Protein backbone atom coordinates (compact mmCIF):
# COMPACT_ATOMS: atom_id res chain seq x y z
CA MET A 1 -119.65 -11.98 -8.97
CA THR A 2 -122.42 -9.34 -10.89
CA ASN A 3 -121.75 -6.65 -8.43
CA ALA A 4 -118.01 -7.22 -8.70
CA VAL A 5 -118.01 -6.95 -12.63
CA GLY A 6 -120.23 -3.86 -11.93
CA LYS A 7 -117.27 -2.49 -9.88
CA LEU A 8 -114.49 -2.73 -12.11
CA ALA A 9 -117.19 -1.17 -15.05
CA LEU A 10 -117.08 1.36 -12.94
CA LEU A 11 -113.23 1.87 -13.05
CA ILE A 12 -113.15 0.98 -16.55
CA ASP A 13 -115.46 3.90 -17.33
CA LEU A 14 -113.35 6.21 -15.12
CA ALA A 15 -110.27 5.56 -16.70
CA LYS A 16 -111.93 6.05 -20.68
CA GLU A 17 -114.40 9.16 -19.82
CA GLY A 18 -112.93 12.50 -20.82
CA SER A 19 -115.56 14.63 -19.73
CA SER A 20 -114.11 16.27 -16.23
CA GLU A 21 -118.30 16.25 -15.09
CA LYS A 22 -118.60 12.77 -15.51
CA ARG A 23 -115.49 11.93 -14.21
CA ARG A 24 -115.84 13.68 -11.30
CA GLU A 25 -119.38 11.82 -10.62
CA LEU A 26 -118.11 8.60 -11.68
CA LEU A 27 -115.35 9.12 -8.93
CA ARG A 28 -117.81 9.27 -6.63
CA LYS A 29 -119.33 6.19 -7.24
CA VAL A 30 -116.08 4.34 -7.67
CA SER A 31 -114.81 5.87 -4.18
CA ASP A 32 -118.09 4.75 -2.56
CA ALA A 33 -118.08 1.50 -3.84
CA PHE A 34 -114.57 0.69 -3.09
CA LEU A 35 -113.90 2.73 -0.46
CA ASP A 36 -116.75 1.88 2.12
CA THR A 37 -116.75 -1.65 2.12
CA PRO A 38 -112.66 -2.51 1.61
CA HIS A 39 -113.07 -5.60 3.46
CA SER A 40 -114.97 -7.43 0.45
CA ARG A 41 -112.18 -5.82 -2.19
CA THR A 42 -109.71 -8.70 -3.99
CA GLU A 43 -106.34 -7.44 -3.98
CA ARG A 44 -106.78 -7.39 -8.17
CA GLU A 45 -109.35 -4.79 -7.33
CA ALA A 46 -107.60 -2.87 -5.12
CA GLU A 47 -104.80 -2.57 -7.40
CA LEU A 48 -107.21 -1.54 -10.03
CA PHE A 49 -108.59 1.47 -8.01
CA ASP A 50 -105.02 2.34 -7.35
CA GLU A 51 -103.85 2.38 -10.57
CA ILE A 52 -106.70 4.24 -12.23
CA VAL A 53 -107.87 6.65 -9.41
CA GLY A 54 -104.38 7.58 -8.74
CA ALA A 55 -103.77 8.37 -12.71
CA VAL A 56 -107.16 10.43 -12.79
CA ALA A 57 -107.27 12.21 -9.41
CA ALA A 58 -104.44 14.84 -10.51
CA ASP A 59 -106.83 16.06 -13.29
CA LEU A 60 -109.88 17.16 -10.92
CA GLU A 61 -110.75 20.26 -9.21
CA THR A 62 -109.05 20.70 -5.89
CA GLN A 63 -112.44 20.11 -4.13
CA VAL A 64 -113.06 16.72 -5.72
CA ARG A 65 -109.52 15.66 -4.69
CA ALA A 66 -110.12 16.98 -1.17
CA GLU A 67 -113.32 14.56 -0.98
CA LEU A 68 -111.51 11.85 -1.86
CA ALA A 69 -108.72 12.37 0.03
CA ARG A 70 -110.86 12.55 3.16
CA LYS A 71 -111.92 9.10 2.22
CA VAL A 72 -108.97 7.89 1.22
CA ALA A 73 -107.59 8.77 4.67
CA THR A 74 -109.88 6.47 6.70
CA SER A 75 -109.67 3.92 4.27
CA ARG A 76 -107.73 0.26 5.38
CA LEU A 77 -107.81 -0.82 1.22
CA PRO A 78 -103.83 -0.82 0.52
CA ILE A 79 -103.84 1.88 -2.10
CA ARG A 80 -100.31 3.36 -1.72
CA ARG A 81 -100.18 4.73 -4.94
CA THR A 82 -103.05 7.04 -4.76
CA ALA A 83 -102.75 7.68 -1.06
CA ARG A 84 -99.03 9.06 -1.89
CA ARG A 85 -100.27 11.40 -4.73
CA LEU A 86 -102.43 12.96 -2.31
CA ALA A 87 -100.16 13.19 0.25
CA LEU A 88 -97.90 15.32 -2.36
CA ASP A 89 -100.82 17.49 -3.23
CA VAL A 90 -101.50 21.02 -2.13
CA ILE A 91 -102.11 20.81 1.97
CA ASP A 92 -105.93 21.43 1.65
CA VAL A 93 -105.92 17.79 -0.23
CA ALA A 94 -103.22 16.58 1.49
CA ARG A 95 -103.37 17.05 5.21
CA PRO A 96 -105.90 14.18 6.25
CA VAL A 97 -103.87 11.14 4.23
CA ILE A 98 -100.46 12.16 5.67
CA GLU A 99 -102.04 12.42 8.94
CA THR A 100 -104.13 9.09 9.21
CA SER A 101 -103.72 6.91 5.89
CA ARG A 102 -102.13 3.70 6.76
CA ALA A 103 -101.36 3.19 3.23
CA LEU A 104 -98.49 5.55 3.24
CA THR A 105 -95.18 3.90 3.82
CA GLN A 106 -92.37 5.71 6.23
CA GLY A 107 -90.23 6.33 2.62
CA ASP A 108 -93.79 8.05 1.45
CA LEU A 109 -93.34 10.17 4.68
CA VAL A 110 -89.75 11.40 4.07
CA ASP A 111 -90.55 11.90 0.39
CA VAL A 112 -93.22 14.63 1.70
CA ILE A 113 -90.83 15.93 4.17
CA GLN A 114 -88.60 16.64 1.29
CA GLN A 115 -90.91 17.57 -1.22
CA THR A 116 -93.58 19.74 -0.22
CA THR A 117 -94.05 22.33 2.68
CA GLN A 118 -93.88 23.13 6.20
CA ASP A 119 -97.87 22.68 6.96
CA HIS A 120 -97.10 19.02 5.11
CA MET A 121 -94.47 18.54 7.86
CA ILE A 122 -96.91 19.86 10.58
CA ALA A 123 -99.03 17.08 9.22
CA VAL A 124 -96.81 14.14 9.22
CA THR A 125 -96.30 15.60 13.41
CA LYS A 126 -99.43 14.18 14.05
CA ARG A 127 -99.24 10.38 12.94
CA PRO A 128 -98.81 7.66 15.65
CA ASP A 129 -96.64 5.82 13.91
CA ILE A 130 -93.45 8.30 13.31
CA GLY A 131 -90.15 6.44 13.26
CA GLU A 132 -86.72 7.46 13.64
CA ARG A 133 -86.02 7.95 9.77
CA VAL A 134 -89.26 10.16 9.77
CA SER A 135 -88.33 12.23 13.09
CA SER A 136 -84.75 12.66 11.50
CA ALA A 137 -86.26 14.31 8.46
CA LEU A 138 -88.39 16.08 10.13
CA VAL A 139 -85.27 17.92 12.37
CA ALA A 140 -83.52 18.30 9.09
CA LYS A 141 -86.29 19.83 7.34
CA GLY A 142 -88.58 21.18 9.58
CA GLY A 143 -88.63 24.54 11.35
CA ASP A 144 -89.20 25.31 15.46
CA ASN A 145 -92.71 24.88 15.25
CA VAL A 146 -92.41 21.47 13.38
CA VAL A 147 -89.79 20.15 15.86
CA ALA A 148 -92.04 21.70 18.78
CA ALA A 149 -95.21 19.43 17.44
CA LEU A 150 -92.78 16.31 16.85
CA LEU A 151 -91.52 16.28 20.73
CA GLN A 152 -95.03 16.77 21.79
CA ASN A 153 -96.07 13.74 19.99
CA ALA A 154 -95.93 11.05 22.73
CA THR A 155 -95.54 7.97 20.33
CA ALA A 156 -92.88 9.66 18.00
CA ARG A 157 -89.45 7.77 18.10
CA LEU A 158 -86.38 9.81 17.68
CA SER A 159 -83.23 8.30 17.62
CA ARG A 160 -80.13 9.54 20.08
CA GLU A 161 -78.36 11.45 17.24
CA THR A 162 -81.71 13.41 16.51
CA TYR A 163 -82.17 14.09 20.16
CA ASP A 164 -78.67 15.58 20.28
CA ARG A 165 -79.74 17.67 17.29
CA VAL A 166 -82.51 18.86 18.90
CA ALA A 167 -80.72 19.61 22.13
CA ASP A 168 -78.64 22.02 20.07
CA ARG A 169 -81.81 23.69 18.17
CA ALA A 170 -83.20 24.27 21.30
CA SER A 171 -80.02 26.20 23.14
CA LEU A 172 -81.13 28.48 20.69
CA SER A 173 -84.66 28.93 20.17
CA ALA A 174 -86.97 29.46 23.15
CA VAL A 175 -89.69 27.77 20.94
CA LEU A 176 -88.29 24.67 21.60
CA HIS A 177 -87.68 24.98 25.45
CA ALA A 178 -90.76 23.54 27.05
CA PRO A 179 -91.62 21.01 24.37
CA PHE A 180 -87.83 19.47 24.94
CA ILE A 181 -88.36 19.33 28.21
CA ARG A 182 -91.35 17.74 28.72
CA ASN A 183 -90.88 15.30 25.99
CA LEU A 184 -90.82 11.81 28.05
CA SER A 185 -88.06 10.12 26.21
CA VAL A 186 -85.20 13.37 26.14
CA PRO A 187 -81.73 11.85 27.56
CA LEU A 188 -81.15 13.50 31.18
CA ASP A 189 -77.84 14.47 30.19
CA LEU A 190 -79.21 16.54 27.28
CA LEU A 191 -81.51 18.13 29.65
CA ASN A 192 -78.69 18.91 31.66
CA ASP A 193 -77.17 20.60 28.65
CA VAL A 194 -80.19 23.00 28.12
CA TYR A 195 -80.62 24.23 31.75
CA LEU A 196 -78.57 27.04 31.76
CA LYS A 197 -80.70 28.12 28.80
CA VAL A 198 -84.13 27.96 30.15
CA SER A 199 -86.15 29.90 32.17
CA ALA A 200 -86.43 29.21 35.97
CA ALA A 201 -90.05 27.29 35.87
CA LEU A 202 -88.40 25.32 33.12
CA ARG A 203 -85.40 24.41 35.34
CA ARG A 204 -87.51 23.19 38.20
CA GLU A 205 -89.40 20.89 35.90
CA ILE A 206 -85.58 19.65 35.12
CA ILE A 207 -85.12 19.35 38.83
CA VAL A 208 -87.97 16.98 39.15
CA LYS A 209 -87.06 14.43 36.53
CA PHE A 210 -83.46 14.50 37.85
CA GLN A 211 -85.23 13.76 41.09
CA GLY A 212 -87.34 11.01 39.64
CA ALA A 213 -84.79 9.10 37.76
CA THR A 214 -83.96 6.15 38.90
CA ALA A 215 -80.29 5.42 40.28
CA ALA A 216 -79.68 3.45 37.00
CA GLU A 217 -80.94 6.31 34.54
CA VAL A 218 -78.78 8.68 36.31
CA GLU A 219 -75.73 6.48 35.35
CA ALA A 220 -77.14 5.98 31.64
CA ALA A 221 -77.08 9.49 31.15
CA LEU A 222 -73.59 10.45 32.65
CA GLU A 223 -72.13 8.35 30.81
CA ALA A 224 -73.94 9.40 27.82
CA GLY A 225 -73.09 13.26 28.65
CA ARG A 226 -68.97 11.92 28.93
CA GLU A 227 -69.29 10.31 25.81
CA HIS A 228 -70.45 13.73 24.32
CA LEU A 229 -68.28 15.79 26.43
CA SER A 230 -66.84 18.93 24.41
CA THR A 231 -63.58 19.34 25.86
CA ALA A 232 -62.94 22.87 24.16
CA TYR A 233 -62.35 25.38 27.12
CA GLY A 234 -62.25 28.69 26.21
CA ALA A 235 -58.97 31.34 26.35
CA LEU A 236 -57.77 31.39 30.14
CA PRO A 237 -57.73 34.70 31.65
CA GLY A 238 -54.19 36.01 31.91
CA ASP A 239 -53.88 35.79 35.38
CA TYR A 240 -54.99 32.13 35.55
CA GLN A 241 -51.76 30.50 36.17
CA LEU A 242 -51.06 33.39 39.49
CA ALA A 243 -54.37 32.69 40.51
CA LYS A 244 -54.34 29.03 40.61
CA GLU A 245 -50.99 29.03 42.31
CA TYR A 246 -52.83 31.29 44.91
CA VAL A 247 -55.91 29.03 45.18
CA ASP A 248 -53.36 26.43 45.57
CA ASP A 249 -51.40 27.71 48.38
CA LEU A 250 -54.83 28.45 50.18
CA ALA A 251 -55.83 24.41 49.76
CA ARG A 252 -52.40 23.17 50.99
CA ARG A 253 -52.64 25.41 53.90
CA GLY A 254 -56.35 24.13 54.28
CA ALA A 255 -57.63 27.68 54.15
CA LEU A 256 -59.84 26.86 51.05
CA GLN A 257 -63.44 26.92 53.05
CA PRO A 258 -66.73 28.56 51.74
CA ALA A 259 -66.06 31.23 53.74
CA MET A 260 -63.11 32.41 52.16
CA LEU A 261 -64.92 33.00 49.26
CA GLU A 262 -66.13 36.13 50.49
CA THR A 263 -62.91 37.43 51.16
CA ILE A 264 -61.09 36.74 48.07
CA LEU A 265 -64.36 38.20 46.27
CA ARG A 266 -64.17 41.31 48.56
CA ASP A 267 -60.37 42.05 47.43
CA ASN A 268 -61.44 41.73 44.10
CA LYS A 269 -59.33 38.44 42.86
CA HIS A 270 -61.97 37.97 40.76
CA THR A 271 -60.03 35.02 38.84
CA SER A 272 -58.94 33.11 42.03
CA PHE A 273 -62.92 33.53 43.23
CA LEU A 274 -63.91 31.68 40.00
CA ILE A 275 -60.87 29.04 40.53
CA ALA A 276 -61.56 28.88 44.63
CA LEU A 277 -65.73 28.62 43.79
CA ALA A 278 -64.97 25.73 41.14
CA ARG A 279 -63.09 23.68 43.42
CA LEU A 280 -65.32 23.70 46.14
CA VAL A 281 -68.24 23.05 44.17
CA GLU A 282 -66.42 20.65 42.17
CA VAL A 283 -67.23 21.72 38.42
CA GLU A 284 -64.94 22.79 35.84
CA PHE A 285 -63.22 26.51 35.60
CA ASP A 286 -65.59 27.22 32.30
CA LEU A 287 -69.02 26.41 33.74
CA ALA A 288 -68.31 28.55 37.16
CA SER A 289 -66.92 31.57 34.97
CA ARG A 290 -69.88 31.18 32.80
CA LEU A 291 -72.19 30.96 35.25
CA VAL A 292 -70.82 33.81 37.76
CA LYS A 293 -70.53 36.16 34.57
CA ALA A 294 -74.35 35.48 33.49
CA LYS A 295 -75.12 36.07 37.37
CA ASP A 296 -77.31 33.04 37.23
CA LEU A 297 -78.39 32.76 40.79
CA ASP A 298 -80.56 30.05 39.99
CA ALA A 299 -77.52 27.65 38.83
CA LEU A 300 -75.46 29.13 41.40
CA ALA A 301 -77.79 28.19 43.85
CA ILE A 302 -77.78 24.80 42.80
CA LEU A 303 -74.03 24.39 42.95
CA CYS A 304 -73.89 25.82 46.14
CA ARG A 305 -76.65 24.11 47.88
CA ASN A 306 -75.06 20.66 46.84
CA ALA A 307 -71.77 21.65 47.79
CA GLY A 308 -73.44 22.85 51.64
CA PHE A 309 -72.96 26.11 51.75
CA GLU A 310 -74.77 28.39 54.42
CA ARG A 311 -77.58 30.41 52.95
CA ASP A 312 -76.30 33.53 54.24
CA LEU A 313 -73.00 33.06 52.47
CA PHE A 314 -74.84 32.36 49.22
CA VAL A 315 -77.05 35.36 50.04
CA THR A 316 -73.82 37.31 50.34
CA LEU A 317 -72.14 36.22 47.17
CA CYS A 318 -74.90 37.19 45.28
CA MET A 319 -75.13 40.83 46.79
CA LEU A 320 -71.40 40.87 45.52
CA ILE A 321 -71.74 39.10 42.50
CA ILE A 322 -74.74 41.31 41.26
CA GLY A 323 -73.64 44.85 42.87
CA GLY A 324 -75.93 47.67 42.69
CA GLY A 325 -77.28 47.88 46.29
CA GLY A 326 -80.70 46.84 46.98
CA GLY A 327 -80.52 46.25 50.84
CA LEU A 328 -82.56 43.69 52.71
CA ASN A 329 -85.04 43.30 50.20
CA LYS A 330 -82.58 41.36 47.48
CA ALA A 331 -81.13 39.69 50.30
CA GLN A 332 -84.40 38.17 50.90
CA GLN A 333 -84.89 37.32 47.43
CA TYR A 334 -81.61 35.65 47.25
CA GLY A 335 -82.29 33.49 50.49
CA GLU A 336 -85.67 32.47 48.92
CA THR A 337 -84.05 31.45 45.91
CA TYR A 338 -81.62 29.42 48.07
CA ALA A 339 -84.29 27.68 49.76
CA ARG A 340 -86.30 26.69 46.97
CA VAL A 341 -83.96 24.36 45.92
CA PRO A 342 -83.89 20.85 46.85
CA VAL A 343 -80.99 19.51 48.55
CA ALA A 344 -81.46 16.10 46.86
CA SER A 345 -82.51 17.71 43.82
CA ALA A 346 -79.43 19.60 43.82
CA GLN A 347 -76.87 16.30 44.34
CA ARG A 348 -78.40 15.04 41.51
CA ALA A 349 -78.66 18.17 39.34
CA VAL A 350 -74.58 18.82 39.68
CA ARG A 351 -73.81 14.87 39.27
CA PHE A 352 -73.98 16.24 35.71
CA TRP A 353 -71.98 18.81 36.02
CA LYS A 354 -68.71 17.38 38.02
CA VAL A 355 -66.64 17.26 34.92
CA ARG A 356 -63.01 17.24 36.81
CA ALA A 357 -64.49 14.60 38.71
CA ASN A 358 -66.05 12.32 36.10
CA THR A 359 -63.25 12.80 33.58
CA GLY A 360 -60.43 14.19 34.95
CA LEU A 361 -59.63 17.21 32.76
CA THR A 362 -58.82 20.46 34.73
CA PRO A 363 -58.72 23.69 33.04
CA SER A 364 -54.91 23.60 33.07
CA SER A 365 -54.63 20.30 31.48
CA ALA A 366 -57.05 21.30 28.52
CA ALA A 367 -55.16 24.27 27.79
């Protein structure tokens, strides 16, 4: 009882003291007395500490506030007011409290995100208890380095909506590519969305994820992809209708076979080639057009591998698409690119690209 009275007396003295030097010394004594043995504190004592220390801390030097913050960060005492005030302080004071204090609520963390700096947000991403509301605020206010740190936190919870927003950003920011792809909770259909934007090495990691997914996970991802599918097509080429009629005629005559692609391309029937390729690999015209225009051989290898094209045909198509010569060396490189794609992985990946088969959309019906 005498010990408790002595501690409360310290708090009262701290509240009354006007001298900065004496206040600093009293604060250290109070912090040691209350924070070192939190289990022995009553609820009322914790409230008094929180009220008085939280009020006087703002008037102290940065070094003293930082010392207090380190103690508050590791304390189990329910001193939310003090923890919150310190978390909104300059980053040198706030960092330990933001990263580890149990006294902060999810609402407090959102306020930190809304009211402070990018450095404060980085500190928030280190916490083990990030909920969907906090992660949403981090993505809304944080820079790419903040979002990358959030994705690297294995315990952070992100909603589907937040993952959608991160996917949009990842499509434009290389900083987010690896963290987004390596996050264990990213929906598979969103990995597919960024596939065409990332490096060859990261594409291989996506393929591995597709390969390791269960049938149920793949079906769930496909359903999510259908729900979020954009049906907006770019303007079709001016000769699209004539080219479509040509390909339709080939199909009626049974001549629309993979080998025919080489003939069409050598005849410089570019739009017909794109329509025929899209039909044979069973993706929408827009995707086939974008891949060929970008000369994206890795993605084309997946499409052709899934469709069962012969390796030599793929090499020939690559030589015609890329142009510029190169001879045997380039042909060998294209062949190696094709061989690196496992058939099973290609089949699983392309399921996300078969928009026409899963939605009934065609470029003509969308136009």
